[in-house]
Amino acid sequence: ACGGESGAREAGKWRLEGKDYMVQEGDVMHFRFNV
């Protein structure tokens, strides 16, 4: 484990992808949206 979001960013395991990203098996997703 990376110790949360900040640890994942430091380890290079956190990526921001666009709407055209093809989801692959094993991906963990965090959806960002604005209301």
C-alpha atoms as a PDB file:
ATOM      1  CA  ALA A   1       0.000   0.000   0.000  1.00  0.00           C
ATOM      2  CA  CYS A   2       1.113   3.547  -0.656  1.00  0.00           C
ATOM      3  CA  GLY A   3      -0.404   5.216   2.398  1.00  0.00           C
ATOM      4  CA  GLY A   4      -3.260   7.016   0.697  1.00  0.00           C
ATOM      5  CA  GLU A   5      -3.616   9.397  -2.220  1.00  0.00           C
ATOM      6  CA  SER A   6      -0.509  11.456  -1.459  1.00  0.00           C
ATOM      7  CA  GLY A   7       1.639   8.329  -1.127  1.00  0.00           C
ATOM      8  CA  ALA A   8       0.307   6.970  -4.420  1.00  0.00           C
ATOM      9  CA  ARG A   9       1.169  10.247  -6.166  1.00  0.00           C
ATOM     10  CA  GLU A  10       4.699  10.197  -4.737  1.00  0.00           C
ATOM     11  CA  ALA A  11       5.134   6.559  -5.842  1.00  0.00           C
ATOM     12  CA  GLY A  12       3.972   7.451  -9.373  1.00  0.00           C
ATOM     13  CA  LYS A  13       0.920   5.185  -9.175  1.00  0.00           C
ATOM     14  CA  TRP A  14      -1.694   7.974  -9.447  1.00  0.00           C
ATOM     15  CA  ARG A  15      -2.560   9.127 -12.965  1.00  0.00           C
ATOM     16  CA  LEU A  16      -5.126  11.529 -14.339  1.00  0.00           C
ATOM     17  CA  GLU A  17      -6.593  10.177 -17.584  1.00  0.00           C
ATOM     18  CA  GLY A  18      -8.965  11.766 -20.075  1.00  0.00           C
ATOM     19  CA  LYS A  19     -12.376  10.575 -21.218  1.00  0.00           C
ATOM     20  CA  ASP A  20     -10.830   8.554 -24.064  1.00  0.00           C
ATOM     21  CA  TYR A  21      -8.894   6.248 -21.688  1.00  0.00           C
ATOM     22  CA  MET A  22      -9.618   2.547 -22.245  1.00  0.00           C
ATOM     23  CA  VAL A  23     -10.145   0.878 -18.864  1.00  0.00           C
ATOM     24  CA  GLN A  24      -8.060  -2.243 -18.335  1.00  0.00           C
ATOM     25  CA  GLU A  25      -8.552  -5.172 -16.002  1.00  0.00           C
ATOM     26  CA  GLY A  26      -7.230  -4.402 -12.526  1.00  0.00           C
ATOM     27  CA  ASP A  27      -7.642  -0.611 -12.811  1.00  0.00           C
ATOM     28  CA  VAL A  28      -8.909   1.207  -9.736  1.00  0.00           C
ATOM     29  CA  MET A  29     -10.851   4.337 -10.605  1.00  0.00           C
ATOM     30  CA  HIS A  30     -11.658   7.533  -8.757  1.00  0.00           C
ATOM     31  CA  PHE A  31     -14.186   9.651 -10.667  1.00  0.00           C
ATOM     32  CA  ARG A  32     -13.940  13.424 -10.496  1.00  0.00           C
ATOM     33  CA  PHE A  33     -16.973  15.484 -11.412  1.00  0.00           C
ATOM     34  CA  ASN A  34     -18.380  18.949 -10.881  1.00  0.00           C
ATOM     35  CA  VAL A  35     -22.030  19.712 -10.196  1.00  0.00           C
END
